[in-house]
């Protein structure tokens, strides 16, 4: 038995719903940290940034699913929808913290920042691309749209992921390694989709 076979055997018995529980843990921890005053001197900024970081991490995790199956034979497809939805959940919380706690729902200031600050413009672009992905992540949408059209729509995750990676780099306003590594991983995962997987030799 190969390593991939062993992983597939274990994950076959793990319900997809478990992903929602596991992925919710950081959000709960952050909310408790905010409530108890453990997020530092600028809790709103810390909460906003950490929620965004987790959203990006989960987007990357969802992008890993297809290359793992194609290149390593590890089948985690049943978890991809949950990863994508939880990524959207974190991005939505990230946006809400900015809109409500940071900007105080001042629509004039919000619109001004969207137009003036490139990192916010790109971040809103990424969120806009994720909206139809989250809205159609259900079996009813697949049936209504048809599998082919639904798969084409899901490809919006590619520009959304790239935009999210660029957004992260622009937010930090410097060149630290972490956002560069995230963007490099995203570009690599998208690039792997353009390369035919190796043929498996029967035997």
N, C-alpha and C. Protein backbone atom coordinates (compact mmCIF):
# COMPACT_ATOMS: atom_id res chain seq x y z
N UNK A 1 0.84 -1.19 0.00
CA UNK A 1 0.00 0.00 0.00
C UNK A 1 0.88 1.25 0.00
N UNK A 2 0.57 2.19 -0.89
CA UNK A 2 1.33 3.43 -0.96
C UNK A 2 0.85 4.41 0.12
N UNK A 3 1.63 5.48 0.30
CA UNK A 3 1.26 6.50 1.27
C UNK A 3 -0.07 7.14 0.88
N UNK A 4 -0.25 7.41 -0.42
CA UNK A 4 -1.50 8.03 -0.88
C UNK A 4 -2.69 7.11 -0.62
N UNK A 5 -2.49 5.80 -0.80
CA UNK A 5 -3.58 4.85 -0.52
C UNK A 5 -3.95 4.88 0.95
N UNK A 6 -2.93 4.96 1.81
CA UNK A 6 -3.19 5.02 3.25
C UNK A 6 -3.95 6.28 3.63
N UNK A 7 -3.54 7.41 3.05
CA UNK A 7 -4.23 8.67 3.33
C UNK A 7 -5.67 8.61 2.85
N UNK A 8 -5.87 8.08 1.65
CA UNK A 8 -7.23 7.98 1.10
C UNK A 8 -8.10 7.06 1.95
N UNK A 9 -7.51 5.99 2.46
CA UNK A 9 -8.28 5.08 3.30
C UNK A 9 -8.73 5.77 4.58
N UNK A 10 -7.85 6.57 5.17
CA UNK A 10 -8.20 7.27 6.42
C UNK A 10 -9.25 8.35 6.16
N UNK A 11 -9.01 9.18 5.14
CA UNK A 11 -9.92 10.30 4.88
C UNK A 11 -11.28 9.84 4.37
N UNK A 12 -11.34 8.61 3.85
CA UNK A 12 -12.62 8.08 3.38
C UNK A 12 -13.63 7.99 4.52
N UNK A 13 -13.12 7.85 5.74
CA UNK A 13 -14.00 7.70 6.90
C UNK A 13 -14.21 9.02 7.65
N UNK A 14 -13.62 10.10 7.14
CA UNK A 14 -13.78 11.41 7.78
C UNK A 14 -14.89 12.16 7.07
N UNK A 15 -15.95 12.54 7.77
CA UNK A 15 -17.04 13.28 7.12
C UNK A 15 -16.60 14.66 6.69
N UNK A 16 -17.13 15.11 5.56
CA UNK A 16 -16.77 16.45 5.06
C UNK A 16 -17.16 17.53 6.05
N UNK A 17 -18.22 17.28 6.82
CA UNK A 17 -18.66 18.27 7.79
C UNK A 17 -17.64 18.57 8.86
N UNK A 18 -16.70 17.65 9.08
CA UNK A 18 -15.68 17.89 10.10
C UNK A 18 -14.81 19.09 9.75
N UNK A 19 -14.69 19.38 8.46
CA UNK A 19 -13.88 20.53 8.02
C UNK A 19 -14.45 21.83 8.58
N UNK A 20 -15.79 21.93 8.60
CA UNK A 20 -16.41 23.15 9.10
C UNK A 20 -16.05 23.38 10.57
N UNK A 21 -16.06 22.30 11.35
CA UNK A 21 -15.77 22.41 12.78
C UNK A 21 -14.31 22.80 12.99
N UNK A 22 -13.41 22.10 12.31
CA UNK A 22 -11.99 22.37 12.47
C UNK A 22 -11.64 23.79 12.02
N UNK A 23 -12.18 24.19 10.89
CA UNK A 23 -11.85 25.51 10.34
C UNK A 23 -12.48 26.65 11.14
N UNK A 24 -13.51 26.36 11.91
CA UNK A 24 -14.14 27.40 12.72
C UNK A 24 -13.35 27.72 13.98
N UNK A 25 -12.44 26.84 14.37
CA UNK A 25 -11.70 27.01 15.62
C UNK A 25 -10.92 28.33 15.65
N UNK A 26 -10.15 28.70 14.60
CA UNK A 26 -9.43 29.98 14.67
C UNK A 26 -10.36 31.18 14.83
N UNK A 27 -11.51 31.16 14.17
CA UNK A 27 -12.45 32.28 14.29
C UNK A 27 -12.96 32.40 15.72
N UNK A 28 -13.30 31.28 16.32
CA UNK A 28 -13.78 31.29 17.70
C UNK A 28 -12.68 31.80 18.64
N UNK A 29 -11.45 31.34 18.41
CA UNK A 29 -10.32 31.77 19.23
C UNK A 29 -10.09 33.28 19.10
N UNK A 30 -10.22 33.80 17.89
CA UNK A 30 -10.03 35.23 17.68
C UNK A 30 -11.13 36.04 18.35
N UNK A 31 -12.37 35.57 18.27
CA UNK A 31 -13.47 36.28 18.89
C UNK A 31 -13.34 36.29 20.41
N UNK A 32 -12.93 35.16 20.98
CA UNK A 32 -12.68 35.12 22.42
C UNK A 32 -11.52 36.03 22.80
N UNK A 33 -10.49 36.03 21.95
CA UNK A 33 -9.35 36.91 22.21
C UNK A 33 -9.75 38.37 22.19
N UNK A 34 -10.63 38.73 21.26
CA UNK A 34 -11.11 40.11 21.19
C UNK A 34 -11.95 40.45 22.42
N UNK A 35 -12.78 39.51 22.84
CA UNK A 35 -13.66 39.74 23.99
C UNK A 35 -12.86 39.93 25.28
N UNK A 36 -11.80 39.14 25.43
CA UNK A 36 -11.01 39.19 26.65
C UNK A 36 -9.82 40.15 26.55
N UNK A 37 -9.73 40.90 25.46
CA UNK A 37 -8.68 41.90 25.33
C UNK A 37 -7.30 41.33 25.13
N UNK A 38 -7.19 40.25 24.37
CA UNK A 38 -5.91 39.59 24.18
C UNK A 38 -5.35 39.74 22.76
N UNK A 39 -5.84 40.73 22.04
CA UNK A 39 -5.39 40.91 20.67
C UNK A 39 -4.45 42.10 20.51
N UNK A 40 -3.81 42.52 21.60
CA UNK A 40 -2.81 43.56 21.50
C UNK A 40 -3.37 44.96 21.62
N UNK A 41 -2.54 45.93 21.28
CA UNK A 41 -2.90 47.33 21.46
C UNK A 41 -3.90 47.81 20.41
N UNK A 42 -3.99 47.12 19.28
CA UNK A 42 -4.94 47.49 18.22
C UNK A 42 -5.76 46.25 17.86
N UNK A 43 -6.73 45.88 18.72
CA UNK A 43 -7.45 44.63 18.52
C UNK A 43 -8.25 44.57 17.23
N UNK A 44 -8.79 45.70 16.80
CA UNK A 44 -9.57 45.70 15.57
C UNK A 44 -8.68 45.36 14.38
N UNK A 45 -7.51 45.99 14.32
CA UNK A 45 -6.59 45.71 13.22
C UNK A 45 -6.09 44.27 13.27
N UNK A 46 -5.80 43.77 14.48
CA UNK A 46 -5.35 42.39 14.61
C UNK A 46 -6.43 41.42 14.17
N UNK A 47 -7.66 41.66 14.62
CA UNK A 47 -8.78 40.79 14.24
C UNK A 47 -8.99 40.82 12.73
N UNK A 48 -8.96 42.00 12.17
CA UNK A 48 -9.16 42.16 10.72
C UNK A 48 -8.09 41.41 9.94
N UNK A 49 -6.84 41.57 10.32
CA UNK A 49 -5.74 40.95 9.59
C UNK A 49 -5.74 39.43 9.76
N UNK A 50 -5.96 38.95 10.98
CA UNK A 50 -5.93 37.50 11.21
C UNK A 50 -7.06 36.79 10.48
N UNK A 51 -8.24 37.39 10.44
CA UNK A 51 -9.34 36.80 9.68
C UNK A 51 -8.99 36.73 8.20
N UNK A 52 -8.36 37.78 7.69
CA UNK A 52 -7.93 37.77 6.30
C UNK A 52 -6.88 36.72 6.02
N UNK A 53 -5.93 36.57 6.96
CA UNK A 53 -4.89 35.55 6.79
C UNK A 53 -5.51 34.16 6.71
N UNK A 54 -6.45 33.87 7.61
CA UNK A 54 -7.08 32.55 7.59
C UNK A 54 -7.90 32.33 6.33
N UNK A 55 -8.53 33.38 5.84
CA UNK A 55 -9.26 33.25 4.58
C UNK A 55 -8.34 32.87 3.45
N UNK A 56 -7.16 33.52 3.39
CA UNK A 56 -6.19 33.22 2.33
C UNK A 56 -5.63 31.81 2.48
N UNK A 57 -5.35 31.40 3.72
CA UNK A 57 -4.84 30.05 3.95
C UNK A 57 -5.82 28.99 3.47
N UNK A 58 -7.11 29.23 3.71
CA UNK A 58 -8.11 28.25 3.31
C UNK A 58 -8.34 28.26 1.80
N UNK A 59 -8.20 29.42 1.17
CA UNK A 59 -8.24 29.46 -0.29
C UNK A 59 -7.11 28.60 -0.86
N UNK A 60 -5.92 28.74 -0.29
CA UNK A 60 -4.77 27.95 -0.74
C UNK A 60 -5.02 26.47 -0.49
N UNK A 61 -5.59 26.14 0.67
CA UNK A 61 -5.88 24.74 0.97
C UNK A 61 -6.84 24.15 -0.05
N UNK A 62 -7.85 24.93 -0.46
CA UNK A 62 -8.79 24.46 -1.47
C UNK A 62 -8.10 24.27 -2.82
N UNK A 63 -7.15 25.16 -3.13
CA UNK A 63 -6.41 25.04 -4.40
C UNK A 63 -5.50 23.82 -4.41
N UNK A 64 -5.10 23.36 -3.24
CA UNK A 64 -4.22 22.19 -3.16
C UNK A 64 -4.93 20.89 -3.56
N UNK A 65 -6.25 20.85 -3.46
CA UNK A 65 -6.98 19.60 -3.61
C UNK A 65 -6.77 18.95 -4.97
N UNK A 66 -6.94 19.70 -6.03
CA UNK A 66 -6.79 19.12 -7.37
C UNK A 66 -5.36 18.66 -7.68
N UNK A 67 -4.33 19.50 -7.41
CA UNK A 67 -2.97 19.02 -7.65
C UNK A 67 -2.60 17.79 -6.83
N UNK A 68 -3.08 17.71 -5.61
CA UNK A 68 -2.80 16.51 -4.80
C UNK A 68 -3.38 15.26 -5.44
N UNK A 69 -4.56 15.39 -5.99
CA UNK A 69 -5.17 14.22 -6.63
C UNK A 69 -4.46 13.87 -7.94
N UNK A 70 -4.12 14.90 -8.72
CA UNK A 70 -3.52 14.65 -10.03
C UNK A 70 -2.09 14.16 -9.93
N UNK A 71 -1.32 14.72 -8.99
CA UNK A 71 0.10 14.45 -8.93
C UNK A 71 0.51 13.45 -7.86
N UNK A 72 -0.31 13.33 -6.82
CA UNK A 72 0.07 12.43 -5.73
C UNK A 72 -0.94 11.32 -5.49
N UNK A 73 -2.08 11.37 -6.18
CA UNK A 73 -3.09 10.33 -6.01
C UNK A 73 -3.84 10.44 -4.69
N UNK A 74 -3.76 11.60 -4.03
CA UNK A 74 -4.47 11.80 -2.77
C UNK A 74 -5.80 12.49 -3.07
N UNK A 75 -6.88 11.81 -2.75
CA UNK A 75 -8.20 12.30 -3.13
C UNK A 75 -8.89 12.97 -1.94
N UNK A 76 -8.90 14.31 -1.97
CA UNK A 76 -9.56 15.09 -0.92
C UNK A 76 -10.70 15.93 -1.50
N UNK A 77 -11.22 15.50 -2.65
CA UNK A 77 -12.23 16.27 -3.35
C UNK A 77 -13.46 16.54 -2.48
N UNK A 78 -13.83 15.59 -1.66
CA UNK A 78 -15.06 15.78 -0.87
C UNK A 78 -14.92 16.89 0.17
N UNK A 79 -13.69 17.32 0.43
CA UNK A 79 -13.47 18.38 1.40
C UNK A 79 -13.37 19.77 0.76
N UNK A 80 -13.29 19.80 -0.57
CA UNK A 80 -13.00 21.08 -1.24
C UNK A 80 -14.11 22.10 -1.06
N UNK A 81 -15.36 21.64 -1.14
CA UNK A 81 -16.47 22.59 -0.98
C UNK A 81 -16.45 23.23 0.41
N UNK A 82 -16.22 22.41 1.43
CA UNK A 82 -16.18 22.94 2.80
C UNK A 82 -15.02 23.92 2.96
N UNK A 83 -13.87 23.60 2.39
CA UNK A 83 -12.72 24.51 2.47
C UNK A 83 -13.03 25.84 1.79
N UNK A 84 -13.66 25.76 0.63
CA UNK A 84 -14.01 26.98 -0.10
C UNK A 84 -15.01 27.83 0.65
N UNK A 85 -16.03 27.20 1.22
CA UNK A 85 -17.04 27.94 1.96
C UNK A 85 -16.46 28.57 3.23
N UNK A 86 -15.58 27.83 3.90
CA UNK A 86 -14.97 28.39 5.11
C UNK A 86 -14.00 29.52 4.75
N UNK A 87 -13.35 29.41 3.61
CA UNK A 87 -12.50 30.51 3.14
C UNK A 87 -13.36 31.76 2.93
N UNK A 88 -14.50 31.59 2.29
CA UNK A 88 -15.40 32.73 2.07
C UNK A 88 -15.91 33.28 3.40
N UNK A 89 -16.20 32.40 4.34
CA UNK A 89 -16.66 32.82 5.66
C UNK A 89 -15.63 33.73 6.33
N UNK A 90 -14.36 33.36 6.27
CA UNK A 90 -13.32 34.18 6.88
C UNK A 90 -13.13 35.50 6.13
N UNK A 91 -13.19 35.44 4.82
CA UNK A 91 -13.05 36.67 4.03
C UNK A 91 -14.21 37.61 4.32
N UNK A 92 -15.42 37.04 4.46
CA UNK A 92 -16.59 37.86 4.78
C UNK A 92 -16.43 38.52 6.15
N UNK A 93 -15.97 37.75 7.14
CA UNK A 93 -15.73 38.33 8.47
C UNK A 93 -14.66 39.41 8.41
N UNK A 94 -13.61 39.14 7.64
CA UNK A 94 -12.53 40.12 7.44
C UNK A 94 -13.10 41.42 6.89
N UNK A 95 -13.98 41.31 5.90
CA UNK A 95 -14.59 42.49 5.30
C UNK A 95 -15.51 43.20 6.28
N UNK A 96 -16.31 42.44 7.03
CA UNK A 96 -17.25 43.04 7.97
C UNK A 96 -16.53 43.79 9.09
N UNK A 97 -15.41 43.23 9.56
CA UNK A 97 -14.64 43.93 10.59
C UNK A 97 -14.17 45.28 10.05
N UNK A 98 -13.71 45.30 8.81
CA UNK A 98 -13.27 46.56 8.21
C UNK A 98 -14.43 47.53 8.04
N UNK A 99 -15.56 47.03 7.52
CA UNK A 99 -16.70 47.90 7.25
C UNK A 99 -17.32 48.46 8.53
N UNK A 100 -17.51 47.59 9.53
CA UNK A 100 -18.26 47.97 10.72
C UNK A 100 -17.37 48.54 11.81
N UNK A 101 -16.32 47.79 12.19
CA UNK A 101 -15.51 48.20 13.32
C UNK A 101 -14.45 49.24 12.96
N UNK A 102 -13.88 49.10 11.77
CA UNK A 102 -12.82 50.02 11.36
C UNK A 102 -13.39 51.30 10.75
N UNK A 103 -14.33 51.14 9.81
CA UNK A 103 -14.87 52.30 9.09
C UNK A 103 -16.18 52.81 9.67
N UNK A 104 -16.76 52.09 10.62
CA UNK A 104 -18.01 52.54 11.24
C UNK A 104 -19.17 52.66 10.27
N UNK A 105 -19.15 51.86 9.20
CA UNK A 105 -20.20 51.87 8.17
C UNK A 105 -20.38 53.26 7.55
N UNK A 106 -19.32 54.05 7.54
CA UNK A 106 -19.36 55.35 6.86
C UNK A 106 -19.19 55.12 5.37
N UNK A 107 -20.30 55.09 4.65
CA UNK A 107 -20.26 54.73 3.23
C UNK A 107 -19.40 55.69 2.42
N UNK A 108 -19.38 56.96 2.80
CA UNK A 108 -18.57 57.92 2.06
C UNK A 108 -17.08 57.60 2.20
N UNK A 109 -16.66 57.26 3.44
CA UNK A 109 -15.26 56.91 3.66
C UNK A 109 -14.91 55.57 3.04
N UNK A 110 -15.85 54.64 3.11
CA UNK A 110 -15.62 53.31 2.53
C UNK A 110 -15.39 53.42 1.03
N UNK A 111 -16.29 54.15 0.36
CA UNK A 111 -16.17 54.28 -1.09
C UNK A 111 -14.89 55.04 -1.47
N UNK A 112 -14.54 56.03 -0.67
CA UNK A 112 -13.32 56.78 -0.93
C UNK A 112 -12.10 55.90 -0.82
N UNK A 113 -12.06 55.03 0.21
CA UNK A 113 -10.92 54.13 0.39
C UNK A 113 -10.84 53.09 -0.72
N UNK A 114 -12.00 52.59 -1.16
CA UNK A 114 -12.01 51.61 -2.25
C UNK A 114 -11.40 52.19 -3.51
N UNK A 115 -11.69 53.45 -3.78
CA UNK A 115 -11.18 54.10 -4.99
C UNK A 115 -9.74 54.57 -4.83
N UNK A 116 -9.36 54.92 -3.60
CA UNK A 116 -8.06 55.56 -3.39
C UNK A 116 -6.95 54.56 -3.10
N UNK A 117 -7.25 53.50 -2.37
CA UNK A 117 -6.22 52.58 -1.90
C UNK A 117 -6.22 51.30 -2.74
N UNK A 118 -5.16 51.05 -3.50
CA UNK A 118 -5.13 49.88 -4.39
C UNK A 118 -5.35 48.55 -3.67
N UNK A 119 -4.82 48.40 -2.45
CA UNK A 119 -4.97 47.13 -1.77
C UNK A 119 -6.42 46.86 -1.40
N UNK A 120 -7.19 47.92 -1.13
CA UNK A 120 -8.61 47.74 -0.85
C UNK A 120 -9.36 47.46 -2.15
N UNK A 121 -8.99 48.16 -3.22
CA UNK A 121 -9.62 47.91 -4.52
C UNK A 121 -9.45 46.46 -4.93
N UNK A 122 -8.23 45.95 -4.82
CA UNK A 122 -7.95 44.57 -5.21
C UNK A 122 -8.63 43.59 -4.26
N UNK A 123 -8.66 43.91 -2.97
CA UNK A 123 -9.34 43.05 -2.02
C UNK A 123 -10.82 42.96 -2.30
N UNK A 124 -11.46 44.08 -2.63
CA UNK A 124 -12.89 44.06 -2.98
C UNK A 124 -13.13 43.29 -4.27
N UNK A 125 -12.19 43.38 -5.19
CA UNK A 125 -12.30 42.61 -6.44
C UNK A 125 -12.27 41.11 -6.14
N UNK A 126 -11.36 40.70 -5.26
CA UNK A 126 -11.28 39.29 -4.88
C UNK A 126 -12.57 38.83 -4.20
N UNK A 127 -13.10 39.66 -3.31
CA UNK A 127 -14.34 39.30 -2.62
C UNK A 127 -15.50 39.19 -3.60
N UNK A 128 -15.57 40.11 -4.56
CA UNK A 128 -16.64 40.08 -5.56
C UNK A 128 -16.59 38.79 -6.37
N UNK A 129 -15.39 38.33 -6.70
CA UNK A 129 -15.24 37.08 -7.45
C UNK A 129 -15.67 35.88 -6.61
N UNK A 130 -15.48 35.96 -5.31
CA UNK A 130 -15.83 34.84 -4.44
C UNK A 130 -17.32 34.74 -4.18
N UNK A 131 -18.04 35.83 -4.33
CA UNK A 131 -19.48 35.82 -4.05
C UNK A 131 -20.24 34.77 -4.86
N UNK A 132 -20.11 34.76 -6.20
CA UNK A 132 -20.84 33.73 -6.96
C UNK A 132 -20.36 32.31 -6.66
N UNK A 133 -19.10 32.16 -6.26
CA UNK A 133 -18.59 30.83 -5.91
C UNK A 133 -19.30 30.31 -4.66
N UNK A 134 -19.42 31.17 -3.66
CA UNK A 134 -20.10 30.76 -2.43
C UNK A 134 -21.59 30.55 -2.67
N UNK A 135 -22.19 31.41 -3.49
CA UNK A 135 -23.63 31.33 -3.72
C UNK A 135 -24.03 30.07 -4.48
N UNK A 136 -23.10 29.52 -5.27
CA UNK A 136 -23.43 28.34 -6.07
C UNK A 136 -22.78 27.07 -5.55
N UNK A 137 -22.27 27.11 -4.32
CA UNK A 137 -21.63 25.91 -3.75
C UNK A 137 -22.66 24.99 -3.11
N UNK A 138 -23.60 24.55 -3.91
CA UNK A 138 -24.63 23.62 -3.45
C UNK A 138 -25.10 22.77 -4.62
N UNK A 139 -25.66 21.63 -4.33
CA UNK A 139 -26.07 20.69 -5.37
C UNK A 139 -27.17 21.25 -6.26
N UNK A 140 -28.04 22.10 -5.68
CA UNK A 140 -29.13 22.67 -6.47
C UNK A 140 -28.60 23.56 -7.59
N UNK A 141 -27.53 24.31 -7.30
CA UNK A 141 -26.94 25.18 -8.31
C UNK A 141 -26.31 24.36 -9.43
N UNK A 142 -25.68 23.25 -9.06
CA UNK A 142 -25.08 22.39 -10.08
C UNK A 142 -26.14 21.86 -11.03
N UNK A 143 -27.27 21.42 -10.46
CA UNK A 143 -28.36 20.91 -11.30
C UNK A 143 -28.98 22.00 -12.16
N UNK A 144 -29.14 23.18 -11.58
CA UNK A 144 -29.79 24.27 -12.30
C UNK A 144 -28.90 24.80 -13.43
N UNK A 145 -27.61 24.94 -13.17
CA UNK A 145 -26.69 25.50 -14.15
C UNK A 145 -26.19 24.47 -15.14
N UNK A 146 -26.14 23.23 -14.71
CA UNK A 146 -25.49 22.20 -15.50
C UNK A 146 -24.04 22.07 -15.07
N UNK A 147 -23.51 20.86 -15.08
CA UNK A 147 -22.17 20.61 -14.56
C UNK A 147 -21.10 21.41 -15.30
N UNK A 148 -21.22 21.50 -16.63
CA UNK A 148 -20.19 22.19 -17.42
C UNK A 148 -20.14 23.68 -17.09
N UNK A 149 -21.30 24.33 -17.05
CA UNK A 149 -21.34 25.76 -16.74
C UNK A 149 -20.89 26.02 -15.31
N UNK A 150 -21.28 25.12 -14.40
CA UNK A 150 -20.89 25.29 -13.00
C UNK A 150 -19.39 25.18 -12.84
N UNK A 151 -18.76 24.24 -13.53
CA UNK A 151 -17.31 24.09 -13.46
C UNK A 151 -16.60 25.32 -14.02
N UNK A 152 -17.14 25.89 -15.08
CA UNK A 152 -16.54 27.10 -15.63
C UNK A 152 -16.63 28.26 -14.64
N UNK A 153 -17.78 28.38 -13.96
CA UNK A 153 -17.93 29.43 -12.97
C UNK A 153 -16.95 29.27 -11.82
N UNK A 154 -16.70 28.02 -11.42
CA UNK A 154 -15.81 27.78 -10.29
C UNK A 154 -14.37 28.20 -10.58
N UNK A 155 -14.04 28.40 -11.85
CA UNK A 155 -12.70 28.84 -12.20
C UNK A 155 -12.43 30.29 -11.77
N UNK A 156 -13.48 30.98 -11.32
CA UNK A 156 -13.28 32.32 -10.78
C UNK A 156 -12.37 32.29 -9.56
N UNK A 157 -12.24 31.12 -8.95
CA UNK A 157 -11.36 31.03 -7.77
C UNK A 157 -9.91 31.34 -8.14
N UNK A 158 -9.53 31.12 -9.40
CA UNK A 158 -8.14 31.36 -9.79
C UNK A 158 -7.80 32.85 -9.73
N UNK A 159 -8.53 33.73 -10.43
CA UNK A 159 -8.21 35.16 -10.30
C UNK A 159 -8.48 35.68 -8.89
N UNK A 160 -9.47 35.09 -8.20
CA UNK A 160 -9.75 35.53 -6.83
C UNK A 160 -8.56 35.24 -5.93
N UNK A 161 -7.96 34.07 -6.08
CA UNK A 161 -6.80 33.70 -5.26
C UNK A 161 -5.61 34.60 -5.57
N UNK A 162 -5.37 34.87 -6.85
CA UNK A 162 -4.27 35.76 -7.22
C UNK A 162 -4.49 37.16 -6.66
N UNK A 163 -5.72 37.66 -6.77
CA UNK A 163 -6.02 38.99 -6.25
C UNK A 163 -5.85 39.03 -4.73
N UNK A 164 -6.25 37.96 -4.06
CA UNK A 164 -6.10 37.90 -2.60
C UNK A 164 -4.62 37.92 -2.21
N UNK A 165 -3.80 37.19 -2.96
CA UNK A 165 -2.37 37.18 -2.69
C UNK A 165 -1.74 38.54 -2.88
N UNK A 166 -2.12 39.24 -3.95
CA UNK A 166 -1.60 40.59 -4.19
C UNK A 166 -2.11 41.55 -3.11
N UNK A 167 -3.36 41.40 -2.73
CA UNK A 167 -3.95 42.21 -1.66
C UNK A 167 -3.12 42.09 -0.38
N UNK A 168 -2.73 40.88 -0.04
CA UNK A 168 -1.95 40.64 1.17
C UNK A 168 -0.60 41.36 1.10
N UNK A 169 0.05 41.29 -0.06
CA UNK A 169 1.34 41.95 -0.22
C UNK A 169 1.20 43.46 -0.06
N UNK A 170 0.16 44.03 -0.68
CA UNK A 170 -0.02 45.48 -0.62
C UNK A 170 -0.43 45.96 0.76
N UNK A 171 -1.14 45.12 1.51
CA UNK A 171 -1.57 45.51 2.85
C UNK A 171 -0.39 45.76 3.76
N UNK A 172 0.62 44.88 3.69
CA UNK A 172 1.76 45.00 4.61
C UNK A 172 2.69 46.16 4.25
N UNK A 173 2.55 46.68 3.01
CA UNK A 173 3.31 47.85 2.58
C UNK A 173 4.82 47.67 2.74
N UNK A 174 5.28 46.48 2.52
CA UNK A 174 6.71 46.17 2.59
C UNK A 174 6.93 44.88 1.82
N UNK A 175 8.09 44.28 2.00
CA UNK A 175 8.38 43.04 1.29
C UNK A 175 8.81 41.94 2.25
N UNK A 176 8.02 41.67 3.30
CA UNK A 176 8.37 40.55 4.19
C UNK A 176 8.12 39.23 3.47
N UNK A 177 8.76 38.15 3.92
CA UNK A 177 8.66 36.88 3.19
C UNK A 177 7.28 36.25 3.19
N UNK A 178 6.51 36.40 4.26
CA UNK A 178 5.25 35.65 4.36
C UNK A 178 4.29 35.90 3.19
N UNK A 179 3.91 37.15 2.88
CA UNK A 179 2.99 37.35 1.75
C UNK A 179 3.58 36.93 0.42
N UNK A 180 4.90 37.05 0.27
CA UNK A 180 5.53 36.61 -0.97
C UNK A 180 5.44 35.10 -1.11
N UNK A 181 5.62 34.39 0.00
CA UNK A 181 5.51 32.93 -0.02
C UNK A 181 4.09 32.51 -0.38
N UNK A 182 3.10 33.19 0.21
CA UNK A 182 1.70 32.87 -0.09
C UNK A 182 1.43 33.04 -1.58
N UNK A 183 1.86 34.16 -2.15
CA UNK A 183 1.60 34.41 -3.57
C UNK A 183 2.35 33.40 -4.43
N UNK A 184 3.57 33.04 -4.04
CA UNK A 184 4.35 32.05 -4.80
C UNK A 184 3.64 30.69 -4.79
N UNK A 185 3.06 30.32 -3.65
CA UNK A 185 2.32 29.06 -3.57
C UNK A 185 1.11 29.10 -4.49
N UNK A 186 0.39 30.22 -4.47
CA UNK A 186 -0.79 30.34 -5.33
C UNK A 186 -0.41 30.22 -6.79
N UNK A 187 0.63 30.94 -7.20
CA UNK A 187 1.06 30.88 -8.61
C UNK A 187 1.50 29.47 -8.98
N UNK A 188 2.20 28.79 -8.07
CA UNK A 188 2.64 27.42 -8.34
C UNK A 188 1.45 26.48 -8.50
N UNK A 189 0.49 26.59 -7.61
CA UNK A 189 -0.68 25.71 -7.67
C UNK A 189 -1.48 25.94 -8.94
N UNK A 190 -1.60 27.20 -9.36
CA UNK A 190 -2.31 27.48 -10.60
C UNK A 190 -1.50 27.01 -11.80
N UNK A 191 -0.17 27.15 -11.73
CA UNK A 191 0.67 26.70 -12.82
C UNK A 191 0.63 25.20 -13.02
N UNK A 192 0.50 24.45 -11.92
CA UNK A 192 0.44 22.99 -12.02
C UNK A 192 -0.77 22.52 -12.82
N UNK A 193 -1.81 23.35 -12.86
CA UNK A 193 -3.01 22.98 -13.61
C UNK A 193 -2.77 23.02 -15.12
N UNK A 194 -1.70 23.70 -15.52
CA UNK A 194 -1.38 23.81 -16.94
C UNK A 194 -0.47 22.69 -17.42
N UNK A 195 0.05 21.91 -16.48
CA UNK A 195 0.99 20.84 -16.82
C UNK A 195 0.28 19.50 -16.76
N UNK A 196 0.34 18.70 -17.82
CA UNK A 196 -0.28 17.37 -17.76
C UNK A 196 0.35 16.53 -16.65
N UNK A 197 -0.45 15.82 -15.86
CA UNK A 197 0.11 14.97 -14.80
C UNK A 197 0.86 13.79 -15.40
N UNK A 198 1.82 13.24 -14.68
CA UNK A 198 2.57 12.08 -15.19
C UNK A 198 1.66 10.87 -15.39
N UNK A 199 1.93 10.11 -16.41
CA UNK A 199 1.14 8.91 -16.66
C UNK A 199 1.50 7.83 -15.65
N UNK A 200 0.49 7.21 -15.13
CA UNK A 200 0.73 6.13 -14.16
C UNK A 200 0.93 4.83 -14.93
N UNK A 201 2.00 4.15 -14.58
CA UNK A 201 2.33 2.90 -15.26
C UNK A 201 1.60 1.76 -14.55
N UNK A 202 0.81 1.04 -15.29
CA UNK A 202 0.09 -0.09 -14.71
C UNK A 202 1.06 -1.22 -14.44
N UNK A 203 0.78 -1.94 -13.39
CA UNK A 203 1.66 -3.06 -13.09
C UNK A 203 1.41 -3.65 -11.76
